[in-house]
Amino acid sequence: MNTTRPLLSEGTTPMIKVPESGPSSHFRGPRNSGNFDTFSPVNENGSFEFDRVLKTGRVYRRVKHKHVFRASWKPAYLVLRPNLLSVYKDEETTRLRVSISLSEVTAVAPVKSPRSTRRHVFGVFTPSTNYRFEALSERDAEDWIDRIRAETPGDEDEQAFLALTRKREPPRHP
């Protein structure tokens, strides 16, 4: 007996192979059975990796006003994510003031000005804009600098510059 398959036009639906059930079944590969792919934008919690918050905190940000000689310092709330530093008005994170793409950052460094009484100031420098922030403590400023540097793509010139600036800094007294 010779059987023929029915054509799709005769009203039948084709069989579709359904992958194994489970949240990560489509991420399985030869090296990671059951684990998420390392190149996946989604982590094991189902969140996008680029939305992961690395650090948050209150700071003051330097704001320049048009036609005013002196800049002012306003409270702000920083949120560091992979490849993004967001500056909000406050902890509610509803009013975004500035969004800094870390791929554009050329340097992150402490800023000491003899004309300013501000302490714990650090700068985030991009080709188009220089941002200045004042942390609440020296330790917090160093942590911001280290974490932002860890997320920025650095090069050998920057590393050499940072090595020179560390050598010139006076010793810290407890």
N, C-alpha and C. Protein backbone atom coordinates (compact mmCIF):
# COMPACT_ATOMS: atom_id res chain seq x y z
N MET A 1 0.85 -1.16 0.00
CA MET A 1 0.00 0.00 0.00
C MET A 1 0.90 1.23 0.00
N ASN A 2 0.67 2.14 -0.85
CA ASN A 2 1.47 3.33 -1.05
C ASN A 2 0.76 4.52 -0.42
N THR A 3 1.35 5.13 0.67
CA THR A 3 0.70 6.28 1.31
C THR A 3 1.40 7.55 0.87
N THR A 4 0.64 8.56 0.66
CA THR A 4 1.20 9.86 0.28
C THR A 4 0.88 10.85 1.38
N ARG A 5 1.75 11.81 1.50
CA ARG A 5 1.53 12.86 2.51
C ARG A 5 0.52 13.86 1.99
N PRO A 6 -0.33 14.33 2.86
CA PRO A 6 -1.30 15.33 2.40
C PRO A 6 -0.61 16.66 2.15
N LEU A 7 -1.05 17.37 1.18
CA LEU A 7 -0.52 18.70 0.87
C LEU A 7 -1.08 19.72 1.85
N LEU A 8 -0.32 20.80 2.05
CA LEU A 8 -0.79 21.84 2.96
C LEU A 8 -2.09 22.46 2.49
N SER A 9 -2.30 22.48 1.21
CA SER A 9 -3.51 23.09 0.70
C SER A 9 -4.76 22.28 1.02
N GLU A 10 -4.57 21.02 1.48
CA GLU A 10 -5.72 20.18 1.80
C GLU A 10 -6.24 20.41 3.22
N GLY A 11 -5.68 21.42 3.93
CA GLY A 11 -6.22 21.78 5.23
C GLY A 11 -5.50 21.19 6.42
N THR A 12 -4.39 20.51 6.24
CA THR A 12 -3.67 19.97 7.38
C THR A 12 -2.51 20.91 7.73
N THR A 13 -2.05 20.84 8.93
CA THR A 13 -0.93 21.68 9.37
C THR A 13 0.31 20.83 9.47
N PRO A 14 1.47 21.38 9.13
CA PRO A 14 2.71 20.62 9.22
C PRO A 14 3.12 20.43 10.68
N MET A 15 3.90 19.40 10.93
CA MET A 15 4.41 19.13 12.27
C MET A 15 5.61 20.05 12.53
N ILE A 16 5.64 20.66 13.67
CA ILE A 16 6.74 21.54 14.05
C ILE A 16 7.40 20.94 15.28
N LYS A 17 8.72 20.81 15.24
CA LYS A 17 9.44 20.28 16.38
C LYS A 17 9.52 21.36 17.45
N VAL A 18 9.06 21.05 18.64
CA VAL A 18 9.06 21.99 19.76
C VAL A 18 10.28 21.71 20.62
N PRO A 19 11.07 22.76 20.95
CA PRO A 19 12.25 22.53 21.80
C PRO A 19 11.84 22.08 23.19
N GLU A 20 12.80 21.53 23.93
CA GLU A 20 12.55 21.09 25.30
C GLU A 20 11.99 22.24 26.11
N SER A 21 11.16 21.90 27.07
CA SER A 21 10.62 22.96 27.91
C SER A 21 11.65 23.39 28.93
N GLY A 22 11.49 24.58 29.43
CA GLY A 22 12.42 25.12 30.42
C GLY A 22 12.86 26.51 30.00
N PRO A 23 13.21 27.36 30.96
CA PRO A 23 13.50 28.76 30.65
C PRO A 23 14.75 28.94 29.81
N SER A 24 15.70 28.02 29.88
CA SER A 24 16.95 28.26 29.16
C SER A 24 17.19 27.23 28.07
N SER A 25 16.15 26.54 27.61
CA SER A 25 16.36 25.47 26.64
C SER A 25 16.93 25.99 25.33
N HIS A 26 16.56 27.18 24.91
CA HIS A 26 17.08 27.70 23.64
C HIS A 26 18.47 28.32 23.78
N PHE A 27 19.04 28.31 24.97
CA PHE A 27 20.39 28.83 25.17
C PHE A 27 21.41 27.69 25.30
N ARG A 28 20.95 26.46 25.18
CA ARG A 28 21.86 25.34 25.38
C ARG A 28 22.79 25.19 24.19
N GLY A 29 23.98 24.81 24.48
CA GLY A 29 24.96 24.58 23.44
C GLY A 29 25.91 23.50 23.90
N PRO A 30 26.94 23.21 23.11
CA PRO A 30 27.85 22.12 23.48
C PRO A 30 28.62 22.40 24.76
N ARG A 31 28.88 23.64 25.09
CA ARG A 31 29.69 23.96 26.27
C ARG A 31 28.88 24.28 27.51
N ASN A 32 27.63 24.58 27.33
CA ASN A 32 26.85 25.06 28.47
C ASN A 32 25.47 24.43 28.52
N SER A 33 25.40 23.14 28.70
CA SER A 33 24.08 22.52 28.78
C SER A 33 23.39 23.00 30.05
N GLY A 34 22.26 23.67 29.85
CA GLY A 34 21.50 24.15 30.98
C GLY A 34 21.86 25.55 31.43
N ASN A 35 22.99 26.11 31.04
CA ASN A 35 23.37 27.45 31.44
C ASN A 35 23.10 28.43 30.32
N PHE A 36 23.03 29.70 30.65
CA PHE A 36 22.81 30.72 29.64
C PHE A 36 24.07 30.95 28.83
N ASP A 37 23.88 31.27 27.60
CA ASP A 37 24.99 31.57 26.69
C ASP A 37 25.69 32.83 27.20
N THR A 38 27.02 32.83 27.17
CA THR A 38 27.76 33.99 27.68
C THR A 38 27.54 35.22 26.81
N PHE A 39 27.10 35.05 25.58
CA PHE A 39 26.86 36.20 24.71
C PHE A 39 25.42 36.65 24.72
N SER A 40 24.60 36.02 25.52
CA SER A 40 23.20 36.37 25.59
C SER A 40 23.03 37.69 26.34
N PRO A 41 22.15 38.57 25.85
CA PRO A 41 21.91 39.82 26.57
C PRO A 41 21.03 39.62 27.80
N VAL A 42 20.53 38.40 28.01
CA VAL A 42 19.63 38.12 29.13
C VAL A 42 20.38 37.28 30.16
N ASN A 43 20.29 37.67 31.44
CA ASN A 43 20.96 36.90 32.49
C ASN A 43 20.01 35.84 33.05
N GLU A 44 20.48 35.09 34.05
CA GLU A 44 19.69 33.99 34.59
C GLU A 44 18.41 34.43 35.29
N ASN A 45 18.30 35.72 35.64
CA ASN A 45 17.08 36.24 36.26
C ASN A 45 16.07 36.72 35.23
N GLY A 46 16.43 36.64 33.95
CA GLY A 46 15.53 37.10 32.90
C GLY A 46 15.64 38.58 32.63
N SER A 47 16.65 39.25 33.20
CA SER A 47 16.85 40.68 32.99
C SER A 47 17.90 40.90 31.92
N PHE A 48 17.81 42.03 31.25
CA PHE A 48 18.83 42.37 30.28
C PHE A 48 20.12 42.73 31.01
N GLU A 49 21.23 42.22 30.52
CA GLU A 49 22.53 42.42 31.17
C GLU A 49 22.92 43.89 31.21
N PHE A 50 22.59 44.65 30.15
CA PHE A 50 22.97 46.06 30.12
C PHE A 50 22.14 46.90 31.09
N ASP A 51 21.08 46.36 31.66
CA ASP A 51 20.29 47.07 32.67
C ASP A 51 20.77 46.79 34.09
N ARG A 52 21.76 45.91 34.22
CA ARG A 52 22.28 45.54 35.55
C ARG A 52 22.90 46.78 36.20
N VAL A 53 22.52 47.07 37.42
CA VAL A 53 23.04 48.23 38.15
C VAL A 53 24.30 47.81 38.89
N LEU A 54 25.41 48.51 38.62
CA LEU A 54 26.70 48.20 39.24
C LEU A 54 26.94 49.03 40.50
N LYS A 55 26.46 50.27 40.50
CA LYS A 55 26.64 51.14 41.66
C LYS A 55 25.65 52.30 41.56
N THR A 56 25.17 52.74 42.71
CA THR A 56 24.31 53.91 42.77
C THR A 56 24.78 54.76 43.95
N GLY A 57 24.46 56.03 43.90
CA GLY A 57 24.80 56.87 45.04
C GLY A 57 24.54 58.34 44.82
N ARG A 58 24.46 59.04 45.94
CA ARG A 58 24.25 60.48 45.90
C ARG A 58 25.59 61.19 45.72
N VAL A 59 25.59 62.22 44.90
CA VAL A 59 26.76 63.06 44.66
C VAL A 59 26.26 64.48 44.43
N TYR A 60 27.20 65.38 44.20
CA TYR A 60 26.88 66.71 43.70
C TYR A 60 27.47 66.80 42.31
N ARG A 61 26.74 67.43 41.41
CA ARG A 61 27.27 67.58 40.05
C ARG A 61 27.46 69.05 39.75
N ARG A 62 28.51 69.33 39.01
CA ARG A 62 28.81 70.71 38.63
C ARG A 62 27.95 71.07 37.43
N VAL A 63 27.25 72.20 37.56
CA VAL A 63 26.34 72.65 36.51
C VAL A 63 26.76 74.03 36.06
N LYS A 64 27.03 74.17 34.78
CA LYS A 64 27.37 75.48 34.23
C LYS A 64 26.11 76.11 33.67
N HIS A 65 25.97 77.41 33.91
CA HIS A 65 24.82 78.14 33.41
C HIS A 65 25.28 79.10 32.33
N LYS A 66 24.45 79.29 31.33
CA LYS A 66 24.79 80.24 30.28
C LYS A 66 24.82 81.65 30.87
N HIS A 67 25.79 82.42 30.43
CA HIS A 67 25.95 83.83 30.82
C HIS A 67 26.23 84.03 32.31
N VAL A 68 26.68 82.98 32.98
CA VAL A 68 27.04 83.11 34.39
C VAL A 68 28.50 82.66 34.52
N PHE A 69 29.29 83.46 35.21
CA PHE A 69 30.72 83.17 35.30
C PHE A 69 31.00 81.92 36.11
N ARG A 70 30.34 81.79 37.25
CA ARG A 70 30.60 80.66 38.15
C ARG A 70 29.60 79.53 37.94
N ALA A 71 30.11 78.31 38.02
CA ALA A 71 29.23 77.14 37.96
C ALA A 71 28.68 76.87 39.36
N SER A 72 27.56 76.21 39.41
CA SER A 72 26.98 75.84 40.71
C SER A 72 27.03 74.32 40.85
N TRP A 73 26.84 73.85 42.07
CA TRP A 73 26.84 72.42 42.36
C TRP A 73 25.45 72.05 42.86
N LYS A 74 24.87 71.03 42.22
CA LYS A 74 23.52 70.61 42.58
C LYS A 74 23.53 69.13 42.99
N PRO A 75 22.65 68.75 43.91
CA PRO A 75 22.56 67.34 44.28
C PRO A 75 22.15 66.50 43.07
N ALA A 76 22.67 65.30 43.00
CA ALA A 76 22.33 64.39 41.91
C ALA A 76 22.43 62.96 42.41
N TYR A 77 21.94 62.04 41.61
CA TYR A 77 21.97 60.62 41.94
C TYR A 77 22.55 59.89 40.73
N LEU A 78 23.70 59.23 40.93
CA LEU A 78 24.35 58.51 39.85
C LEU A 78 23.93 57.04 39.85
N VAL A 79 23.76 56.49 38.65
CA VAL A 79 23.49 55.07 38.47
C VAL A 79 24.46 54.56 37.40
N LEU A 80 25.33 53.64 37.81
CA LEU A 80 26.31 53.07 36.89
C LEU A 80 25.83 51.71 36.42
N ARG A 81 25.72 51.57 35.10
CA ARG A 81 25.36 50.30 34.46
C ARG A 81 26.46 49.96 33.47
N PRO A 82 26.49 48.72 32.97
CA PRO A 82 27.47 48.41 31.94
C PRO A 82 27.29 49.35 30.75
N ASN A 83 28.33 50.06 30.40
CA ASN A 83 28.39 50.98 29.27
C ASN A 83 27.53 52.23 29.43
N LEU A 84 27.06 52.56 30.64
CA LEU A 84 26.23 53.76 30.79
C LEU A 84 26.32 54.31 32.21
N LEU A 85 26.52 55.61 32.30
CA LEU A 85 26.44 56.32 33.58
C LEU A 85 25.29 57.30 33.46
N SER A 86 24.26 57.11 34.28
CA SER A 86 23.08 57.97 34.25
C SER A 86 23.11 58.90 35.44
N VAL A 87 22.76 60.17 35.19
CA VAL A 87 22.71 61.19 36.24
C VAL A 87 21.25 61.62 36.38
N TYR A 88 20.69 61.35 37.56
CA TYR A 88 19.31 61.70 37.83
C TYR A 88 19.24 62.83 38.84
N LYS A 89 18.09 63.47 38.91
CA LYS A 89 17.89 64.55 39.87
C LYS A 89 17.94 64.02 41.30
N ASP A 90 17.33 62.86 41.55
CA ASP A 90 17.28 62.31 42.90
C ASP A 90 17.13 60.79 42.86
N GLU A 91 16.98 60.18 44.03
CA GLU A 91 16.92 58.74 44.16
C GLU A 91 15.72 58.11 43.46
N GLU A 92 14.70 58.89 43.16
CA GLU A 92 13.51 58.34 42.51
C GLU A 92 13.82 57.89 41.08
N THR A 93 14.90 58.35 40.51
CA THR A 93 15.37 58.03 39.14
C THR A 93 14.27 58.22 38.09
N THR A 94 13.46 59.24 38.28
CA THR A 94 12.42 59.53 37.29
C THR A 94 12.80 60.69 36.39
N ARG A 95 13.72 61.55 36.86
CA ARG A 95 14.11 62.71 36.06
C ARG A 95 15.58 62.60 35.66
N LEU A 96 15.80 62.04 34.48
CA LEU A 96 17.15 61.87 33.96
C LEU A 96 17.71 63.22 33.53
N ARG A 97 18.89 63.55 34.05
CA ARG A 97 19.54 64.81 33.70
C ARG A 97 20.56 64.62 32.59
N VAL A 98 21.38 63.59 32.72
CA VAL A 98 22.44 63.33 31.74
C VAL A 98 22.62 61.83 31.62
N SER A 99 22.89 61.37 30.42
CA SER A 99 23.22 59.98 30.17
C SER A 99 24.57 59.96 29.47
N ILE A 100 25.57 59.34 30.10
CA ILE A 100 26.94 59.33 29.57
C ILE A 100 27.27 57.92 29.09
N SER A 101 27.50 57.79 27.80
CA SER A 101 27.89 56.49 27.25
C SER A 101 29.35 56.25 27.61
N LEU A 102 29.62 55.15 28.30
CA LEU A 102 30.99 54.89 28.76
C LEU A 102 31.94 54.55 27.62
N SER A 103 31.40 54.20 26.46
CA SER A 103 32.27 53.97 25.31
C SER A 103 32.87 55.28 24.79
N GLU A 104 32.26 56.41 25.16
CA GLU A 104 32.76 57.73 24.76
C GLU A 104 33.74 58.32 25.78
N VAL A 105 33.82 57.74 26.96
CA VAL A 105 34.65 58.28 28.03
C VAL A 105 36.13 58.08 27.69
N THR A 106 36.89 59.17 27.77
CA THR A 106 38.32 59.10 27.49
C THR A 106 39.15 59.02 28.76
N ALA A 107 38.62 59.52 29.89
CA ALA A 107 39.35 59.45 31.16
C ALA A 107 38.39 59.65 32.32
N VAL A 108 38.78 59.07 33.45
CA VAL A 108 38.08 59.27 34.73
C VAL A 108 39.19 59.49 35.74
N ALA A 109 39.15 60.63 36.44
CA ALA A 109 40.26 60.96 37.34
C ALA A 109 39.81 61.88 38.45
N PRO A 110 40.55 61.86 39.57
CA PRO A 110 40.28 62.85 40.62
C PRO A 110 40.62 64.24 40.10
N VAL A 111 39.87 65.23 40.54
CA VAL A 111 40.09 66.61 40.10
C VAL A 111 40.36 67.45 41.33
N LYS A 112 41.52 68.09 41.35
CA LYS A 112 41.87 68.98 42.47
C LYS A 112 42.15 70.36 41.90
N SER A 113 41.37 71.33 42.37
CA SER A 113 41.54 72.69 41.89
C SER A 113 41.91 73.58 43.06
N PRO A 114 42.98 74.38 42.91
CA PRO A 114 43.36 75.29 44.00
C PRO A 114 42.33 76.41 44.21
N ARG A 115 41.48 76.65 43.21
CA ARG A 115 40.48 77.72 43.32
C ARG A 115 39.19 77.26 43.98
N SER A 116 39.06 75.95 44.22
CA SER A 116 37.81 75.43 44.75
C SER A 116 38.00 74.87 46.15
N THR A 117 36.96 75.00 46.96
CA THR A 117 36.98 74.41 48.29
C THR A 117 36.32 73.03 48.29
N ARG A 118 35.85 72.60 47.14
CA ARG A 118 35.21 71.29 47.03
C ARG A 118 36.22 70.18 47.23
N ARG A 119 35.80 69.14 47.94
CA ARG A 119 36.68 67.98 48.17
C ARG A 119 36.04 66.76 47.54
N HIS A 120 36.81 65.72 47.31
CA HIS A 120 36.33 64.45 46.78
C HIS A 120 35.72 64.60 45.38
N VAL A 121 36.30 65.47 44.57
CA VAL A 121 35.79 65.73 43.22
C VAL A 121 36.49 64.81 42.23
N PHE A 122 35.70 64.25 41.33
CA PHE A 122 36.26 63.46 40.24
C PHE A 122 35.61 63.87 38.93
N GLY A 123 36.34 63.68 37.85
CA GLY A 123 35.86 64.07 36.54
C GLY A 123 35.68 62.87 35.64
N VAL A 124 34.65 62.95 34.81
CA VAL A 124 34.41 61.98 33.74
C VAL A 124 34.52 62.77 32.45
N PHE A 125 35.52 62.43 31.65
CA PHE A 125 35.85 63.24 30.48
C PHE A 125 35.49 62.51 29.19
N THR A 126 34.78 63.22 28.30
CA THR A 126 34.45 62.71 26.97
C THR A 126 34.95 63.75 25.96
N PRO A 127 35.03 63.39 24.68
CA PRO A 127 35.49 64.38 23.69
C PRO A 127 34.61 65.63 23.62
N SER A 128 33.32 65.48 23.92
CA SER A 128 32.42 66.64 23.80
C SER A 128 32.17 67.38 25.10
N THR A 129 32.25 66.69 26.25
CA THR A 129 31.89 67.32 27.53
C THR A 129 32.74 66.75 28.66
N ASN A 130 33.06 67.61 29.60
CA ASN A 130 33.73 67.18 30.83
C ASN A 130 32.72 67.30 31.97
N TYR A 131 32.52 66.20 32.69
CA TYR A 131 31.57 66.18 33.80
C TYR A 131 32.36 66.14 35.10
N ARG A 132 31.89 66.89 36.10
CA ARG A 132 32.53 66.86 37.42
C ARG A 132 31.49 66.53 38.47
N PHE A 133 31.92 65.65 39.37
CA PHE A 133 31.05 65.21 40.45
C PHE A 133 31.81 65.28 41.76
N GLU A 134 31.09 65.60 42.83
CA GLU A 134 31.69 65.59 44.16
C GLU A 134 31.03 64.47 44.96
N ALA A 135 31.83 63.49 45.36
CA ALA A 135 31.33 62.38 46.16
C ALA A 135 31.21 62.82 47.62
N LEU A 136 30.54 62.03 48.42
CA LEU A 136 30.33 62.39 49.82
C LEU A 136 31.56 62.11 50.68
N SER A 137 32.48 61.25 50.18
CA SER A 137 33.70 60.95 50.93
C SER A 137 34.81 60.62 49.93
N GLU A 138 36.05 60.62 50.43
CA GLU A 138 37.19 60.27 49.59
C GLU A 138 37.07 58.81 49.12
N ARG A 139 36.67 57.95 50.03
CA ARG A 139 36.52 56.54 49.70
C ARG A 139 35.47 56.32 48.62
N ASP A 140 34.36 57.04 48.73
CA ASP A 140 33.29 56.94 47.73
C ASP A 140 33.77 57.44 46.37
N ALA A 141 34.52 58.53 46.36
CA ALA A 141 35.06 59.07 45.10
C ALA A 141 35.98 58.05 44.44
N GLU A 142 36.86 57.43 45.23
CA GLU A 142 37.77 56.42 44.68
C GLU A 142 37.00 55.22 44.14
N ASP A 143 35.94 54.83 44.83
CA ASP A 143 35.13 53.71 44.37
C ASP A 143 34.44 54.04 43.05
N TRP A 144 33.88 55.25 42.93
CA TRP A 144 33.28 55.68 41.67
C TRP A 144 34.31 55.64 40.54
N ILE A 145 35.48 56.20 40.80
CA ILE A 145 36.53 56.24 39.77
C ILE A 145 36.91 54.83 39.34
N ASP A 146 37.15 53.95 40.30
CA ASP A 146 37.56 52.58 39.98
C ASP A 146 36.48 51.84 39.20
N ARG A 147 35.25 51.97 39.62
CA ARG A 147 34.16 51.24 38.96
C ARG A 147 33.88 51.78 37.55
N ILE A 148 33.93 53.10 37.39
CA ILE A 148 33.71 53.66 36.05
C ILE A 148 34.86 53.27 35.13
N ARG A 149 36.09 53.34 35.63
CA ARG A 149 37.24 52.92 34.82
C ARG A 149 37.13 51.47 34.39
N ALA A 150 36.63 50.63 35.29
CA ALA A 150 36.49 49.20 34.97
C ALA A 150 35.50 48.97 33.84
N GLU A 151 34.55 49.86 33.66
CA GLU A 151 33.53 49.72 32.61
C GLU A 151 33.89 50.45 31.33
N THR A 152 34.91 51.29 31.34
CA THR A 152 35.29 52.03 30.13
C THR A 152 36.36 51.26 29.38
N PRO A 153 36.29 51.30 28.05
CA PRO A 153 37.36 50.66 27.27
C PRO A 153 38.63 51.49 27.35
N GLY A 154 39.65 51.01 28.04
CA GLY A 154 40.89 51.75 28.20
C GLY A 154 41.91 51.38 27.15
N ASP A 155 42.93 52.20 27.01
CA ASP A 155 44.03 51.89 26.10
C ASP A 155 45.35 52.09 26.82
N GLU A 156 46.44 51.80 26.13
CA GLU A 156 47.76 51.87 26.77
C GLU A 156 48.13 53.30 27.17
N ASP A 157 47.77 54.29 26.34
CA ASP A 157 48.09 55.68 26.68
C ASP A 157 47.43 56.10 27.98
N GLU A 158 46.17 55.71 28.16
CA GLU A 158 45.47 56.06 29.38
C GLU A 158 46.11 55.37 30.58
N GLN A 159 46.47 54.11 30.44
CA GLN A 159 47.09 53.39 31.54
C GLN A 159 48.42 54.04 31.93
N ALA A 160 49.20 54.49 30.95
CA ALA A 160 50.47 55.17 31.24
C ALA A 160 50.21 56.49 31.97
N PHE A 161 49.20 57.22 31.53
CA PHE A 161 48.85 58.49 32.18
C PHE A 161 48.43 58.25 33.63
N LEU A 162 47.61 57.23 33.85
CA LEU A 162 47.15 56.94 35.21
C LEU A 162 48.31 56.54 36.10
N ALA A 163 49.26 55.80 35.56
CA ALA A 163 50.44 55.41 36.35
C ALA A 163 51.23 56.65 36.77
N LEU A 164 51.36 57.63 35.88
CA LEU A 164 52.08 58.86 36.20
C LEU A 164 51.34 59.68 37.26
N THR A 165 50.02 59.77 37.16
CA THR A 165 49.27 60.57 38.14
C THR A 165 49.32 59.93 39.51
N ARG A 166 49.37 58.62 39.59
CA ARG A 166 49.46 57.96 40.90
C ARG A 166 50.81 58.22 41.55
N LYS A 167 51.86 58.34 40.75
CA LYS A 167 53.19 58.58 41.30
C LYS A 167 53.30 59.99 41.90
N ARG A 168 52.60 60.95 41.30
CA ARG A 168 52.69 62.34 41.75
C ARG A 168 51.80 62.68 42.93
N GLU A 169 50.83 61.84 43.23
CA GLU A 169 49.91 62.14 44.33
C GLU A 169 50.67 62.08 45.65
N PRO A 170 50.44 63.04 46.54
CA PRO A 170 51.10 63.03 47.85
C PRO A 170 50.58 61.85 48.66
N PRO A 171 51.38 61.35 49.59
CA PRO A 171 50.92 60.24 50.43
C PRO A 171 49.73 60.67 51.28
N ARG A 172 48.81 59.72 51.48
CA ARG A 172 47.61 60.00 52.26
C ARG A 172 47.88 59.76 53.71
N HIS A 173 47.35 60.65 54.54
CA HIS A 173 47.49 60.51 55.98
C HIS A 173 46.17 60.07 56.57
N PRO A 174 46.18 59.10 57.46
CA PRO A 174 44.91 58.61 58.02
C PRO A 174 44.17 59.59 58.87
